Each structure stands twice: as C-alpha cells, then as structure tokens.
Amino acid sequence: MKHEIEYRGLPLIDKLAKVNIVVCGVGALGSNLVDSLIRIGCTKIRVIDFDRVEAHNINNQVYDLTDVGSL
C-alpha cells in the first residue's frame, strides 16, 4: 500500500517542479506559503514584495532576526 501512495504522488511532484508560480507579498501568509512550496518540490517561484523585514513581524513570518531590514 505504501508504494502505491508514493507512486501516485511522484507524477504530481514532477508537475509542480515545472509550474511557474508567482507569489505577491511574502509577509505572514506569503512567506509560509513560499516555504511550503519549496518543501514540496516547486522550483520556479517568483516572489514580489516591496516591504522590508521588520523585527515586530518575525514571530509570524519565515524570517530570522538577521533578516531584519532586508528587502
């Protein structure tokens, strides 16, 4: 049964790796979305966001204190 589940998922993962994805805004929701997309195998991701990382948002975004001030 385990091999059957893995087999059905592999073609989908291959398709996701070829899809162009655009994420507008990488704050609380967008940063976690991009992190999840990368973990499932998406490789063509374009991120659009003009804000800078701020210290008070670190607790709900996928950033570190070393990212504060970065675009």
PDB file of N, CA and C in Angstrom:
ATOM      1  N   MET A   1       0.819  -1.194   0.000  1.00  0.00           N
ATOM      2  CA  MET A   1       0.000   0.000   0.000  1.00  0.00           C
ATOM      3  C   MET A   1       0.868   1.265   0.000  1.00  0.00           C
ATOM      4  N   LYS A   2       1.989   1.234   0.734  1.00  0.00           N
ATOM      5  CA  LYS A   2       2.864   2.401   0.806  1.00  0.00           C
ATOM      6  C   LYS A   2       3.412   2.777  -0.566  1.00  0.00           C
ATOM      7  N   HIS A   3       3.833   1.797  -1.360  1.00  0.00           N
ATOM      8  CA  HIS A   3       4.377   2.083  -2.686  1.00  0.00           C
ATOM      9  C   HIS A   3       3.317   2.684  -3.605  1.00  0.00           C
ATOM     10  N   GLU A   4       2.085   2.266  -3.452  1.00  0.00           N
ATOM     11  CA  GLU A   4       1.002   2.795  -4.282  1.00  0.00           C
ATOM     12  C   GLU A   4       0.797   4.287  -4.007  1.00  0.00           C
ATOM     13  N   ILE A   5       0.832   4.681  -2.750  1.00  0.00           N
ATOM     14  CA  ILE A   5       0.666   6.091  -2.385  1.00  0.00           C
ATOM     15  C   ILE A   5       1.836   6.915  -2.914  1.00  0.00           C
ATOM     16  N   GLU A   6       3.047   6.422  -2.754  1.00  0.00           N
ATOM     17  CA  GLU A   6       4.228   7.131  -3.245  1.00  0.00           C
ATOM     18  C   GLU A   6       4.176   7.279  -4.762  1.00  0.00           C
ATOM     19  N   TYR A   7       3.741   6.246  -5.466  1.00  0.00           N
ATOM     20  CA  TYR A   7       3.702   6.302  -6.924  1.00  0.00           C
ATOM     21  C   TYR A   7       2.730   7.360  -7.408  1.00  0.00           C
ATOM     22  N   ARG A   8       1.551   7.437  -6.797  1.00  0.00           N
ATOM     23  CA  ARG A   8       0.568   8.434  -7.227  1.00  0.00           C
ATOM     24  C   ARG A   8       1.059   9.852  -6.977  1.00  0.00           C
ATOM     25  N   GLY A   9       1.879  10.055  -5.956  1.00  0.00           N
ATOM     26  CA  GLY A   9       2.355  11.384  -5.635  1.00  0.00           C
ATOM     27  C   GLY A   9       3.507  11.867  -6.490  1.00  0.00           C
ATOM     28  N   LEU A  10       4.336  10.956  -6.970  1.00  0.00           N
ATOM     29  CA  LEU A  10       5.518  11.355  -7.738  1.00  0.00           C
ATOM     30  C   LEU A  10       5.186  12.120  -9.013  1.00  0.00           C
ATOM     31  N   PRO A  11       4.210  11.702  -9.820  1.00  0.00           N
ATOM     32  CA  PRO A  11       3.886  12.485 -11.018  1.00  0.00           C
ATOM     33  C   PRO A  11       3.413  13.902 -10.676  1.00  0.00           C
ATOM     34  N   LEU A  12       2.699  14.036  -9.574  1.00  0.00           N
ATOM     35  CA  LEU A  12       2.238  15.362  -9.173  1.00  0.00           C
ATOM     36  C   LEU A  12       3.399  16.245  -8.741  1.00  0.00           C
ATOM     37  N   ILE A  13       4.347  15.655  -8.041  1.00  0.00           N
ATOM     38  CA  ILE A  13       5.530  16.414  -7.618  1.00  0.00           C
ATOM     39  C   ILE A  13       6.345  16.845  -8.839  1.00  0.00           C
ATOM     40  N   ASP A  14       6.459  15.974  -9.824  1.00  0.00           N
ATOM     41  CA  ASP A  14       7.166  16.332 -11.065  1.00  0.00           C
ATOM     42  C   ASP A  14       6.475  17.475 -11.782  1.00  0.00           C
ATOM     43  N   LYS A  15       5.142  17.466 -11.800  1.00  0.00           N
ATOM     44  CA  LYS A  15       4.394  18.556 -12.447  1.00  0.00           C
ATOM     45  C   LYS A  15       4.611  19.867 -11.706  1.00  0.00           C
ATOM     46  N   LEU A  16       4.578  19.827 -10.388  1.00  0.00           N
ATOM     47  CA  LEU A  16       4.778  21.040  -9.597  1.00  0.00           C
ATOM     48  C   LEU A  16       6.153  21.646  -9.815  1.00  0.00           C
ATOM     49  N   ALA A  17       7.146  20.823 -10.031  1.00  0.00           N
ATOM     50  CA  ALA A  17       8.506  21.320 -10.240  1.00  0.00           C
ATOM     51  C   ALA A  17       8.615  22.118 -11.532  1.00  0.00           C
ATOM     52  N   LYS A  18       7.693  21.899 -12.469  1.00  0.00           N
ATOM     53  CA  LYS A  18       7.753  22.573 -13.769  1.00  0.00           C
ATOM     54  C   LYS A  18       6.833  23.784 -13.871  1.00  0.00           C
ATOM     55  N   VAL A  19       5.978  23.992 -12.889  1.00  0.00           N
ATOM     56  CA  VAL A  19       5.000  25.073 -12.930  1.00  0.00           C
ATOM     57  C   VAL A  19       5.633  26.386 -12.483  1.00  0.00           C
ATOM     58  N   ASN A  20       5.351  27.468 -13.208  1.00  0.00           N
ATOM     59  CA  ASN A  20       5.792  28.803 -12.802  1.00  0.00           C
ATOM     60  C   ASN A  20       4.787  29.350 -11.797  1.00  0.00           C
ATOM     61  N   ILE A  21       5.272  29.758 -10.638  1.00  0.00           N
ATOM     62  CA  ILE A  21       4.411  30.266  -9.571  1.00  0.00           C
ATOM     63  C   ILE A  21       4.859  31.676  -9.217  1.00  0.00           C
ATOM     64  N   VAL A  22       3.898  32.583  -9.052  1.00  0.00           N
ATOM     65  CA  VAL A  22       4.187  33.949  -8.622  1.00  0.00           C
ATOM     66  C   VAL A  22       3.465  34.177  -7.308  1.00  0.00           C
ATOM     67  N   VAL A  23       4.194  34.639  -6.302  1.00  0.00           N
ATOM     68  CA  VAL A  23       3.610  34.959  -5.008  1.00  0.00           C
ATOM     69  C   VAL A  23       3.794  36.449  -4.778  1.00  0.00           C
ATOM     70  N   CYS A  24       2.678  37.152  -4.611  1.00  0.00           N
ATOM     71  CA  CYS A  24       2.717  38.597  -4.363  1.00  0.00           C
ATOM     72  C   CYS A  24       2.530  38.833  -2.872  1.00  0.00           C
ATOM     73  N   GLY A  25       3.579  39.269  -2.225  1.00  0.00           N
ATOM     74  CA  GLY A  25       3.547  39.518  -0.795  1.00  0.00           C
ATOM     75  C   GLY A  25       4.072  38.330  -0.023  1.00  0.00           C
ATOM     76  N   VAL A  26       5.163  38.522   0.688  1.00  0.00           N
ATOM     77  CA  VAL A  26       5.738  37.437   1.480  1.00  0.00           C
ATOM     78  C   VAL A  26       5.826  37.831   2.951  1.00  0.00           C
ATOM     79  N   GLY A  27       4.692  38.279   3.451  1.00  0.00           N
ATOM     80  CA  GLY A  27       4.583  38.562   4.877  1.00  0.00           C
ATOM     81  C   GLY A  27       4.234  37.280   5.599  1.00  0.00           C
ATOM     82  N   ALA A  28       3.299  37.354   6.526  1.00  0.00           N
ATOM     83  CA  ALA A  28       2.938  36.198   7.347  1.00  0.00           C
ATOM     84  C   ALA A  28       2.445  35.033   6.497  1.00  0.00           C
ATOM     85  N   LEU A  29       1.495  35.268   5.635  1.00  0.00           N
ATOM     86  CA  LEU A  29       0.946  34.187   4.809  1.00  0.00           C
ATOM     87  C   LEU A  29       1.887  33.814   3.668  1.00  0.00           C
ATOM     88  N   GLY A  30       2.357  34.794   2.937  1.00  0.00           N
ATOM     89  CA  GLY A  30       3.185  34.541   1.764  1.00  0.00           C
ATOM     90  C   GLY A  30       4.509  33.868   2.076  1.00  0.00           C
ATOM     91  N   SER A  31       5.174  34.261   3.166  1.00  0.00           N
ATOM     92  CA  SER A  31       6.459  33.646   3.491  1.00  0.00           C
ATOM     93  C   SER A  31       6.286  32.177   3.855  1.00  0.00           C
ATOM     94  N   ASN A  32       5.216  31.856   4.570  1.00  0.00           N
ATOM     95  CA  ASN A  32       4.942  30.460   4.907  1.00  0.00           C
ATOM     96  C   ASN A  32       4.518  29.670   3.674  1.00  0.00           C
ATOM     97  N   LEU A  33       3.784  30.302   2.776  1.00  0.00           N
ATOM     98  CA  LEU A  33       3.391  29.644   1.526  1.00  0.00           C
ATOM     99  C   LEU A  33       4.607  29.296   0.682  1.00  0.00           C
ATOM    100  N   VAL A  34       5.521  30.251   0.517  1.00  0.00           N
ATOM    101  CA  VAL A  34       6.738  30.004  -0.269  1.00  0.00           C
ATOM    102  C   VAL A  34       7.565  28.892   0.374  1.00  0.00           C
ATOM    103  N   ASP A  35       7.685  28.910   1.686  1.00  0.00           N
ATOM    104  CA  ASP A  35       8.420  27.858   2.389  1.00  0.00           C
ATOM    105  C   ASP A  35       7.793  26.487   2.104  1.00  0.00           C
ATOM    106  N   SER A  36       6.482  26.402   2.158  1.00  0.00           N
ATOM    107  CA  SER A  36       5.789  25.130   1.886  1.00  0.00           C
ATOM    108  C   SER A  36       5.949  24.697   0.437  1.00  0.00           C
ATOM    109  N   LEU A  37       5.856  25.640  -0.494  1.00  0.00           N
ATOM    110  CA  LEU A  37       6.017  25.313  -1.915  1.00  0.00           C
ATOM    111  C   LEU A  37       7.401  24.742  -2.199  1.00  0.00           C
ATOM    112  N   ILE A  38       8.403  25.328  -1.594  1.00  0.00           N
ATOM    113  CA  ILE A  38       9.772  24.829  -1.773  1.00  0.00           C
ATOM    114  C   ILE A  38       9.906  23.421  -1.201  1.00  0.00           C
ATOM    115  N   ARG A  39       9.308  23.196  -0.047  1.00  0.00           N
ATOM    116  CA  ARG A  39       9.409  21.883   0.601  1.00  0.00           C
ATOM    117  C   ARG A  39       8.727  20.776  -0.195  1.00  0.00           C
ATOM    118  N   ILE A  40       7.697  21.118  -0.983  1.00  0.00           N
ATOM    119  CA  ILE A  40       7.028  20.073  -1.769  1.00  0.00           C
ATOM    120  C   ILE A  40       7.620  19.929  -3.166  1.00  0.00           C
ATOM    121  N   GLY A  41       8.648  20.710  -3.471  1.00  0.00           N
ATOM    122  CA  GLY A  41       9.366  20.493  -4.717  1.00  0.00           C
ATOM    123  C   GLY A  41       9.193  21.534  -5.800  1.00  0.00           C
ATOM    124  N   CYS A  42       8.520  22.634  -5.524  1.00  0.00           N
ATOM    125  CA  CYS A  42       8.388  23.693  -6.526  1.00  0.00           C
ATOM    126  C   CYS A  42       9.740  24.390  -6.676  1.00  0.00           C
ATOM    127  N   THR A  43      10.146  24.598  -7.914  1.00  0.00           N
ATOM    128  CA  THR A  43      11.462  25.195  -8.157  1.00  0.00           C
ATOM    129  C   THR A  43      11.400  26.508  -8.928  1.00  0.00           C
ATOM    130  N   LYS A  44      10.260  26.815  -9.520  1.00  0.00           N
ATOM    131  CA  LYS A  44      10.139  28.039 -10.314  1.00  0.00           C
ATOM    132  C   LYS A  44       9.187  29.004  -9.607  1.00  0.00           C
ATOM    133  N   ILE A  45       9.708  29.693  -8.607  1.00  0.00           N
ATOM    134  CA  ILE A  45       8.899  30.603  -7.799  1.00  0.00           C
ATOM    135  C   ILE A  45       9.436  32.018  -7.941  1.00  0.00           C
ATOM    136  N   ARG A  46       8.561  32.936  -8.279  1.00  0.00           N
ATOM    137  CA  ARG A  46       8.916  34.357  -8.336  1.00  0.00           C
ATOM    138  C   ARG A  46       8.174  35.037  -7.196  1.00  0.00           C
ATOM    139  N   VAL A  47       8.910  35.797  -6.401  1.00  0.00           N
ATOM    140  CA  VAL A  47       8.338  36.468  -5.245  1.00  0.00           C
ATOM    141  C   VAL A  47       8.365  37.972  -5.481  1.00  0.00           C
ATOM    142  N   ILE A  48       7.219  38.622  -5.234  1.00  0.00           N
ATOM    143  CA  ILE A  48       7.129  40.073  -5.407  1.00  0.00           C
ATOM    144  C   ILE A  48       6.695  40.682  -4.076  1.00  0.00           C
ATOM    145  N   ASP A  49       7.532  41.537  -3.537  1.00  0.00           N
ATOM    146  CA  ASP A  49       7.205  42.238  -2.300  1.00  0.00           C
ATOM    147  C   ASP A  49       8.163  43.408  -2.170  1.00  0.00           C
ATOM    148  N   PHE A  50       7.648  44.577  -1.872  1.00  0.00           N
ATOM    149  CA  PHE A  50       8.477  45.775  -1.809  1.00  0.00           C
ATOM    150  C   PHE A  50       8.754  46.233  -0.383  1.00  0.00           C
ATOM    151  N   ASP A  51       8.253  45.481   0.606  1.00  0.00           N
ATOM    152  CA  ASP A  51       8.480  45.840   2.001  1.00  0.00           C
ATOM    153  C   ASP A  51       9.806  45.282   2.500  1.00  0.00           C
ATOM    154  N   ARG A  52      10.221  45.796   3.640  1.00  0.00           N
ATOM    155  CA  ARG A  52      11.412  45.275   4.309  1.00  0.00           C
ATOM    156  C   ARG A  52      10.964  44.426   5.501  1.00  0.00           C
ATOM    157  N   VAL A  53      11.796  43.470   5.862  1.00  0.00           N
ATOM    158  CA  VAL A  53      11.516  42.631   7.025  1.00  0.00           C
ATOM    159  C   VAL A  53      11.662  43.492   8.273  1.00  0.00           C
ATOM    160  N   GLU A  54      10.646  43.462   9.141  1.00  0.00           N
ATOM    161  CA  GLU A  54      10.676  44.253  10.369  1.00  0.00           C
ATOM    162  C   GLU A  54      10.687  43.335  11.585  1.00  0.00           C
ATOM    163  N   ALA A  55      11.358  43.754  12.633  1.00  0.00           N
ATOM    164  CA  ALA A  55      11.542  42.924  13.827  1.00  0.00           C
ATOM    165  C   ALA A  55      10.221  42.499  14.457  1.00  0.00           C
ATOM    166  N   HIS A  56       9.223  43.381  14.456  1.00  0.00           N
ATOM    167  CA  HIS A  56       7.964  43.032  15.118  1.00  0.00           C
ATOM    168  C   HIS A  56       7.148  41.983  14.344  1.00  0.00           C
ATOM    169  N   ASN A  57       7.571  41.631  13.134  1.00  0.00           N
ATOM    170  CA  ASN A  57       6.866  40.608  12.355  1.00  0.00           C
ATOM    171  C   ASN A  57       7.561  39.245  12.379  1.00  0.00           C
ATOM    172  N   ILE A  58       8.702  39.149  13.003  1.00  0.00           N
ATOM    173  CA  ILE A  58       9.499  37.916  12.987  1.00  0.00           C
ATOM    174  C   ILE A  58       8.714  36.721  13.531  1.00  0.00           C
ATOM    175  N   ASN A  59       7.867  36.938  14.536  1.00  0.00           N
ATOM    176  CA  ASN A  59       7.176  35.816  15.175  1.00  0.00           C
ATOM    177  C   ASN A  59       6.170  35.112  14.268  1.00  0.00           C
ATOM    178  N   ASN A  60       5.689  35.742  13.200  1.00  0.00           N
ATOM    179  CA  ASN A  60       4.702  35.076  12.342  1.00  0.00           C
ATOM    180  C   ASN A  60       5.139  34.988  10.878  1.00  0.00           C
ATOM    181  N   GLN A  61       6.399  35.206  10.623  1.00  0.00           N
ATOM    182  CA  GLN A  61       6.939  35.091   9.272  1.00  0.00           C
ATOM    183  C   GLN A  61       8.122  34.131   9.273  1.00  0.00           C
ATOM    184  N   VAL A  62       8.498  33.669   8.095  1.00  0.00           N
ATOM    185  CA  VAL A  62       9.620  32.731   7.987  1.00  0.00           C
ATOM    186  C   VAL A  62      10.913  33.517   7.774  1.00  0.00           C
ATOM    187  N   TYR A  63      11.225  34.346   8.768  1.00  0.00           N
ATOM    188  CA  TYR A  63      12.450  35.124   8.719  1.00  0.00           C
ATOM    189  C   TYR A  63      13.126  35.027  10.080  1.00  0.00           C
ATOM    190  N   ASP A  64      14.373  35.455  10.122  1.00  0.00           N
ATOM    191  CA  ASP A  64      15.194  35.413  11.308  1.00  0.00           C
ATOM    192  C   ASP A  64      15.585  36.847  11.659  1.00  0.00           C
ATOM    193  N   LEU A  65      16.062  37.057  12.853  1.00  0.00           N
ATOM    194  CA  LEU A  65      16.497  38.406  13.244  1.00  0.00           C
ATOM    195  C   LEU A  65      17.578  38.945  12.328  1.00  0.00           C
ATOM    196  N   THR A  66      18.366  38.059  11.736  1.00  0.00           N
ATOM    197  CA  THR A  66      19.423  38.517  10.825  1.00  0.00           C
ATOM    198  C   THR A  66      18.841  39.055   9.519  1.00  0.00           C
ATOM    199  N   ASP A  67      17.547  38.780   9.250  1.00  0.00           N
ATOM    200  CA  ASP A  67      16.896  39.264   8.035  1.00  0.00           C
ATOM    201  C   ASP A  67      16.271  40.654   8.206  1.00  0.00           C
ATOM    202  N   VAL A  68      16.207  41.158   9.432  1.00  0.00           N
ATOM    203  CA  VAL A  68      15.567  42.450   9.682  1.00  0.00           C
ATOM    204  C   VAL A  68      16.236  43.532   8.853  1.00  0.00           C
ATOM    205  N   GLY A  69      15.421  44.295   8.138  1.00  0.00           N
ATOM    206  CA  GLY A  69      15.918  45.359   7.261  1.00  0.00           C
ATOM    207  C   GLY A  69      16.095  44.928   5.825  1.00  0.00           C
ATOM    208  N   SER A  70      16.101  43.641   5.572  1.00  0.00           N
ATOM    209  CA  SER A  70      16.276  43.135   4.192  1.00  0.00           C
ATOM    210  C   SER A  70      15.003  43.344   3.388  1.00  0.00           C
ATOM    211  N   LEU A  71      15.172  43.471   2.078  1.00  0.00           N
ATOM    212  CA  LEU A  71      14.010  43.560   1.188  1.00  0.00           C
ATOM    213  C   LEU A  71      13.361  42.209   1.063  1.00  0.00           C
TER     214      LEU A  71
END
